[in-house]
Protein backbone atom coordinates (compact mmCIF):
# COMPACT_ATOMS: atom_id res chain seq x y z
CA MET A 1 -2.15 -26.77 19.81
CA ASN A 2 -4.46 -27.60 22.74
CA THR A 3 -8.13 -26.61 22.87
CA ARG A 4 -7.60 -23.66 25.23
CA LYS A 5 -4.90 -22.19 23.02
CA LYS A 6 -7.07 -22.68 19.93
CA ILE A 7 -9.88 -20.75 21.60
CA LEU A 8 -7.53 -17.93 22.60
CA VAL A 9 -6.12 -17.68 19.07
CA PHE A 10 -9.66 -17.61 17.62
CA ILE A 11 -10.67 -14.85 20.04
CA LEU A 12 -7.57 -12.86 19.07
CA LYS A 13 -8.37 -13.25 15.37
CA LEU A 14 -11.96 -12.19 16.01
CA ALA A 15 -10.84 -9.18 18.06
CA LEU A 16 -8.43 -8.06 15.34
CA GLY A 17 -11.19 -8.40 12.76
CA LEU A 18 -13.65 -6.38 14.82
CA LEU A 19 -11.05 -3.65 15.43
CA SER A 20 -10.06 -3.48 11.77
CA PHE A 21 -13.61 -3.32 10.47
CA TRP A 22 -14.58 -0.80 13.15
CA LEU A 23 -11.76 1.45 11.89
CA ILE A 24 -13.05 0.99 8.32
CA TYR A 25 -16.59 1.80 9.48
CA TRP A 26 -15.34 4.88 11.37
CA ARG A 27 -13.68 6.27 8.25
CA LEU A 28 -16.69 5.52 6.07
CA LYS A 29 -19.04 7.11 8.59
CA SER A 30 -16.91 10.26 8.78
CA GLU A 31 -16.54 10.64 5.00
CA LEU A 32 -19.77 9.26 3.53
CA THR A 33 -22.04 12.11 4.57
CA PRO A 34 -25.71 12.32 3.45
CA GLN A 35 -24.55 14.71 0.72
CA HIS A 36 -22.02 12.17 -0.52
CA TRP A 37 -24.70 9.46 -0.61
CA LEU A 38 -26.86 11.66 -2.81
CA ILE A 39 -23.90 12.29 -5.14
CA LEU A 40 -23.18 8.57 -5.35
CA LYS A 41 -26.80 7.84 -6.16
CA ALA A 42 -26.71 10.38 -9.01
CA ILE A 43 -23.36 9.11 -10.30
CA PHE A 44 -24.45 5.49 -10.52
CA SER A 45 -27.68 6.26 -12.30
CA ASN A 46 -25.47 6.29 -15.41
CA THR A 47 -24.74 2.90 -17.04
CA ALA A 48 -21.31 4.01 -18.34
CA ASN A 49 -20.26 4.89 -14.81
CA TRP A 50 -21.17 1.42 -13.64
CA ILE A 51 -18.95 -0.04 -16.37
CA TYR A 52 -16.01 2.16 -15.31
CA PHE A 53 -16.56 1.15 -11.68
CA LEU A 54 -16.70 -2.58 -12.50
CA VAL A 55 -13.48 -2.29 -14.54
CA CYS A 56 -11.84 -0.69 -11.49
CA ILE A 57 -12.95 -3.63 -9.33
CA LEU A 58 -11.66 -6.14 -11.91
CA LEU A 59 -8.28 -4.38 -11.90
CA MET A 60 -7.97 -4.90 -8.13
CA PRO A 61 -6.85 -8.56 -8.32
CA LEU A 62 -4.41 -7.60 -11.10
CA ASN A 63 -3.01 -4.85 -8.90
CA TRP A 64 -2.43 -7.17 -5.94
CA GLY A 65 -1.53 -10.11 -8.19
CA ILE A 66 1.46 -8.15 -9.49
CA GLU A 67 2.40 -7.30 -5.91
CA THR A 68 2.14 -11.01 -5.04
CA LEU A 69 4.49 -11.94 -7.87
CA LYS A 70 7.02 -9.36 -6.65
CA TRP A 71 6.64 -10.59 -3.07
CA GLN A 72 7.20 -14.23 -4.06
CA ARG A 73 10.27 -13.29 -6.11
CA ILE A 74 11.91 -10.99 -3.55
CA THR A 75 11.56 -13.50 -0.68
CA LYS A 76 12.66 -16.54 -2.71
CA PRO A 77 16.39 -16.33 -1.80
CA ILE A 78 15.44 -16.50 1.89
CA GLU A 79 12.52 -18.93 1.69
CA TYR A 80 10.47 -20.20 -1.25
CA ILE A 81 6.68 -20.03 -0.96
CA SER A 82 4.14 -20.81 -3.67
CA PHE A 83 2.21 -18.08 -5.48
CA LYS A 84 -0.90 -19.15 -3.54
CA GLN A 85 0.93 -18.76 -0.22
CA ALA A 86 2.41 -15.43 -1.34
CA SER A 87 -1.06 -14.22 -2.29
CA ALA A 88 -2.44 -15.23 1.12
CA SER A 89 0.49 -13.41 2.75
CA VAL A 90 -0.16 -10.21 0.76
CA TYR A 91 -3.91 -10.14 1.41
CA SER A 92 -3.40 -10.86 5.11
CA GLY A 93 -0.98 -7.96 5.21
CA ILE A 94 -3.53 -5.63 3.64
CA PHE A 95 -5.97 -6.56 6.39
CA ALA A 96 -3.40 -6.07 9.17
CA GLY A 97 -2.35 -2.73 7.70
CA ASN A 98 -5.68 -1.21 8.76
CA LEU A 99 -4.64 -1.43 12.40
CA ALA A 100 -2.06 1.38 12.40
CA PRO A 101 -1.43 4.73 10.67
CA GLY A 102 0.61 4.50 7.49
CA ARG A 103 -0.19 0.76 7.32
CA ALA A 104 2.80 0.19 9.62
CA THR A 105 1.42 -3.16 10.85
CA GLU A 106 1.11 -4.71 7.39
CA PHE A 107 4.33 -6.74 7.68
CA LEU A 108 3.24 -8.41 10.94
CA ALA A 109 0.69 -10.58 9.11
CA LYS A 110 2.80 -11.11 5.97
CA ILE A 111 5.76 -12.63 7.82
CA LEU A 112 3.57 -15.27 9.52
CA PHE A 113 3.63 -17.29 6.30
CA PHE A 114 7.38 -17.84 6.67
CA GLU A 115 9.49 -19.93 9.02
CA PRO A 116 10.21 -18.19 12.37
CA ASN A 117 13.96 -18.10 11.76
CA ASN A 118 13.42 -16.19 8.50
CA ARG A 119 10.97 -13.57 9.70
CA ALA A 120 13.47 -10.86 10.57
CA ALA A 121 15.03 -11.04 7.09
CA ILE A 122 11.58 -11.19 5.45
CA THR A 123 10.61 -8.03 7.39
CA VAL A 124 13.53 -6.19 5.77
CA LEU A 125 12.45 -7.43 2.34
CA HIS A 126 8.89 -6.23 2.96
CA PHE A 127 10.10 -2.65 3.30
CA ILE A 128 12.57 -2.88 0.42
CA ASN A 129 9.83 -4.30 -1.81
CA GLY A 130 7.68 -1.30 -0.92
CA MET A 131 10.56 1.02 -1.75
CA PHE A 132 10.79 -0.39 -5.28
CA GLN A 133 7.17 0.69 -5.81
CA LEU A 134 7.84 3.99 -4.05
CA SER A 135 10.83 4.76 -6.29
CA ILE A 136 8.67 4.41 -9.41
CA THR A 137 6.02 6.70 -7.90
CA ILE A 138 8.73 9.27 -7.14
CA LEU A 139 10.48 9.10 -10.52
CA ILE A 140 7.27 9.31 -12.57
CA GLY A 141 5.86 11.95 -10.23
CA LEU A 142 8.96 14.14 -10.37
CA THR A 143 8.93 13.99 -14.16
CA ALA A 144 5.26 15.00 -14.22
CA LEU A 145 5.81 17.72 -11.61
CA PHE A 146 8.60 19.42 -13.56
CA TYR A 147 6.58 19.06 -16.78
CA LYS A 148 3.77 21.07 -15.18
CA THR A 149 5.94 23.19 -12.90
CA GLN A 150 4.00 26.33 -13.85
CA ASP A 151 0.96 24.96 -12.02
CA PHE A 152 2.92 24.99 -8.76
CA SER A 153 4.17 28.55 -8.60
CA GLY A 154 3.37 31.33 -6.13
CA SER A 155 1.54 30.03 -3.08
CA TYR A 156 1.96 26.44 -4.30
CA ASN A 157 5.77 26.61 -4.54
CA TRP A 158 6.14 24.79 -1.21
CA ILE A 159 4.53 21.66 -2.68
CA LYS A 160 7.13 21.54 -5.43
CA TYR A 161 10.09 22.04 -3.08
CA VAL A 162 8.91 19.81 -0.24
CA GLY A 163 7.98 17.06 -2.68
CA SER A 164 11.31 17.26 -4.50
CA VAL A 165 13.37 17.20 -1.30
CA GLY A 166 11.26 14.41 0.19
CA GLY A 167 11.47 12.40 -3.02
CA GLY A 168 15.24 12.83 -3.24
CA VAL A 169 15.75 11.69 0.35
CA LEU A 170 13.55 8.63 -0.16
CA LEU A 171 15.41 7.67 -3.35
CA LEU A 172 18.76 7.91 -1.55
CA LEU A 173 17.37 5.78 1.28
CA PHE A 174 16.15 3.22 -1.29
CA ILE A 175 19.59 3.02 -2.94
CA GLY A 176 21.21 2.58 0.46
CA CYS A 177 18.85 -0.28 1.31
CA ILE A 178 19.62 -2.02 -2.00
CA LEU A 179 23.38 -1.73 -1.44
CA TYR A 180 23.35 -2.77 2.22
CA THR A 181 20.50 -5.31 2.37
CA PRO A 182 22.60 -8.08 4.05
CA THR A 183 23.91 -5.61 6.64
CA ILE A 184 20.39 -4.43 7.49
CA MET A 185 19.17 -8.03 7.76
CA THR A 186 22.05 -8.97 10.07
CA TRP A 187 21.45 -5.93 12.28
CA LEU A 188 17.73 -6.72 12.62
CA VAL A 189 18.38 -10.36 13.40
CA LYS A 190 20.92 -9.38 16.08
CA ARG A 191 18.35 -6.99 17.51
CA PHE A 192 15.59 -9.60 17.82
CA GLN A 193 17.23 -13.04 17.61
CA THR A 194 17.43 -15.07 20.80
CA GLN A 195 19.71 -17.87 19.54
CA GLU A 196 23.45 -17.56 19.98
CA ALA A 197 24.29 -18.76 16.44
CA LEU A 198 23.24 -16.02 14.05
CA PRO A 199 22.77 -16.65 10.33
CA THR A 200 24.97 -14.92 7.75
CA PHE A 201 22.97 -13.29 4.97
CA ARG A 202 24.37 -13.13 1.46
CA TYR A 203 21.28 -11.62 -0.12
CA ARG A 204 22.20 -9.60 -3.20
CA PHE A 205 20.18 -7.68 -5.78
CA THR A 206 21.51 -8.33 -9.29
CA PRO A 207 20.93 -5.95 -12.22
CA GLN A 208 18.46 -8.50 -13.58
CA SER A 209 16.47 -8.69 -10.33
CA ILE A 210 16.43 -4.88 -9.97
CA PHE A 211 15.12 -4.62 -13.54
CA PHE A 212 12.43 -7.21 -12.74
CA PHE A 213 11.18 -5.41 -9.62
CA LEU A 214 11.25 -1.97 -11.24
CA SER A 215 9.48 -3.24 -14.39
CA PHE A 216 6.65 -4.88 -12.47
CA SER A 217 6.42 -1.84 -10.20
CA VAL A 218 5.84 0.27 -13.32
CA ILE A 219 3.11 -2.13 -14.52
CA ARG A 220 1.43 -2.02 -11.11
CA TYR A 221 1.70 1.77 -11.06
CA LEU A 222 -0.11 1.90 -14.41
CA VAL A 223 -2.87 -0.36 -13.05
CA PHE A 224 -3.76 1.80 -10.04
CA SER A 225 -3.32 4.97 -12.13
CA ILE A 226 -5.90 3.63 -14.58
CA GLN A 227 -8.19 2.84 -11.65
CA MET A 228 -7.99 6.43 -10.41
CA ALA A 229 -8.45 7.81 -13.93
CA LEU A 230 -11.63 5.77 -14.39
CA LEU A 231 -13.00 6.96 -11.05
CA LEU A 232 -12.24 10.57 -12.01
CA ALA A 233 -14.01 9.94 -15.32
CA ILE A 234 -17.05 8.82 -13.33
CA ILE A 235 -17.26 12.29 -11.74
CA GLY A 236 -16.80 14.12 -15.04
CA ALA A 237 -13.07 14.20 -15.92
CA SER A 238 -11.91 13.56 -19.50
CA LEU A 239 -9.63 10.58 -20.06
CA ASN A 240 -6.53 12.13 -21.63
CA ILE A 241 -2.75 12.40 -21.14
CA SER A 242 -3.13 15.55 -19.05
CA LEU A 243 -5.28 13.66 -16.55
CA PHE A 244 -2.66 10.93 -16.13
CA ILE A 245 0.06 13.57 -15.61
CA ASN A 246 -2.05 15.10 -12.84
CA ILE A 247 -2.59 11.66 -11.31
CA ALA A 248 1.18 11.07 -11.31
CA ILE A 249 1.69 14.39 -9.49
CA TYR A 250 -1.05 13.54 -6.99
CA PHE A 251 0.47 10.14 -6.12
CA PHE A 252 3.93 11.72 -5.90
CA ILE A 253 2.86 14.48 -3.50
CA THR A 254 0.73 12.25 -1.26
CA THR A 255 3.63 9.79 -1.07
CA THR A 256 6.46 12.21 -0.28
CA ILE A 257 4.73 14.72 2.00
CA PRO A 258 4.47 13.44 5.61
CA MET A 259 0.88 12.74 6.71
CA VAL A 260 -0.68 13.13 10.15
CA SER A 261 -2.96 10.11 10.51
CA PHE A 262 -6.12 11.83 11.80
CA LEU A 263 -5.76 14.55 9.14
CA GLU A 264 -4.73 12.27 6.26
CA ALA A 265 -8.09 12.23 4.46
CA ALA A 266 -8.40 16.02 4.63
CA ILE A 267 -4.79 16.49 3.46
CA ARG A 268 -5.28 14.16 0.51
CA ILE A 269 -8.42 16.01 -0.58
CA ALA A 270 -6.67 19.39 -0.20
CA ILE A 271 -3.82 18.16 -2.41
CA ALA A 272 -6.32 16.81 -4.94
CA LEU A 273 -8.02 20.22 -5.11
CA VAL A 274 -4.67 21.79 -6.05
CA VAL A 275 -3.54 19.08 -8.48
CA PHE A 276 -6.91 18.71 -10.24
CA LYS A 277 -7.92 22.38 -10.03
CA ASN A 278 -8.18 22.61 -13.84
CA LEU A 279 -10.93 20.00 -13.73
CA GLU A 280 -13.03 22.32 -11.55
CA LEU A 281 -14.24 19.47 -9.37
CA SER A 282 -15.80 20.05 -5.96
CA THR A 283 -14.38 18.83 -2.65
CA SER A 284 -17.30 16.39 -2.38
CA LEU A 285 -16.58 14.81 -5.77
CA LEU A 286 -12.87 14.40 -5.01
CA ALA A 287 -13.76 12.90 -1.63
CA ILE A 288 -15.99 10.39 -3.44
CA VAL A 289 -13.07 9.34 -5.68
CA SER A 290 -10.81 8.94 -2.62
CA ILE A 291 -13.41 6.80 -0.84
CA LEU A 292 -14.12 4.58 -3.87
CA LEU A 293 -10.41 3.97 -4.57
CA TRP A 294 -9.89 3.09 -0.90
CA LEU A 295 -12.89 0.73 -0.90
CA ILE A 296 -11.69 -1.08 -4.03
CA ASN A 297 -7.97 -1.37 -3.30
CA ILE A 298 -7.94 -1.61 0.51
CA VAL A 299 -11.31 -2.54 2.02
CA LEU A 300 -12.23 -5.29 -0.47
CA PRO A 301 -8.77 -6.94 -0.26
CA SER A 302 -8.91 -6.53 3.55
CA CYS A 303 -12.06 -8.66 3.61
CA ILE A 304 -10.24 -11.33 1.58
CA GLY A 305 -7.26 -11.08 3.94
CA TYR A 306 -9.45 -11.55 7.00
CA VAL A 307 -11.03 -14.67 5.49
CA VAL A 308 -7.51 -16.00 4.83
CA ILE A 309 -6.47 -15.38 8.46
CA ILE A 310 -9.63 -17.03 9.81
CA ARG A 311 -9.40 -20.07 7.51
CA LYS A 312 -5.65 -20.61 7.76
CA LYS A 313 -4.23 -22.12 10.91
CA ILE A 314 -2.15 -19.03 11.59
CA ASN A 315 -0.89 -18.79 15.14
CA LEU A 316 -1.02 -15.08 15.95
CA SER A 317 0.90 -15.70 19.15
CA VAL A 318 4.09 -16.69 17.31
CA LEU A 319 5.78 -13.44 18.28
CA SER A 320 6.55 -14.71 21.74
CA LYS A 321 9.81 -14.32 23.64
CA ARG A 322 11.06 -17.68 22.36
CA GLN A 323 10.65 -16.63 18.74
CA PRO A 324 13.31 -14.86 16.69
CA LEU A 325 11.15 -11.80 16.07
CA GLN A 326 9.49 -10.08 18.98
CA THR A 327 7.17 -7.12 19.49
């Protein structure tokens, strides 16, 4: 790479970083009001709350470490990368995910750690990997929802029905992706490949591999559920089974109900007020939990991801017209 191109790539990396962190700052500025700062100051005057918060931070690398293990395993049949490379890919993806609603741009950074000819297939695996995690959220959430169905009667009936229909559709989509993975890969490669000779994919999920991905998705689900439970405990909730059932319902609803990006924070807080209404927590306290969980599991890993992108010799211009995958 010549000097001019190196400078251009560096400027692009810098611009992406500035945009991403501006978006993070914009959300923090809009949600961390003076009232919220006062609440945070009061909350962290308690030593026990600091311990809970530090445990949440320590669970972050476990959370994304499990995701890295899944990512390394699911991409192995297409291209083997080390755990260290897989970790760099995952953290870079977290950073890139800040650039679009619904974290739609996450895969663009993750696939850069793979050979150009494999990136279309790896893109498919990125979304299927996410659907393994999504299926666990749906299954556990549906179980919790029907266990506490009486809490969602009357004016809250729509949450139960919309969530159930949305969850069912997503599960059917997930099953379809598992069954037709090679077909989806071939279609995507034909859509974006420039070479005449197209690869034939024989990727197949075995019962053993499905069990592996579902098992580790359950473990990861427990990790971020514990994180949320500890943050709720910081604002006064009791750590018990009922709390974890409510957390399962919250994750299920926020996952299956479509979100409008500029209203997402407000929608999530509104859902939390319904799900955790028995805790009698204020909107401000629930907003604090949302912000802290986002800071721990997204903002902190995003900083790591940006350092990875800056330090690694990643060519962000690889998606050119001569490459297999284009944007």
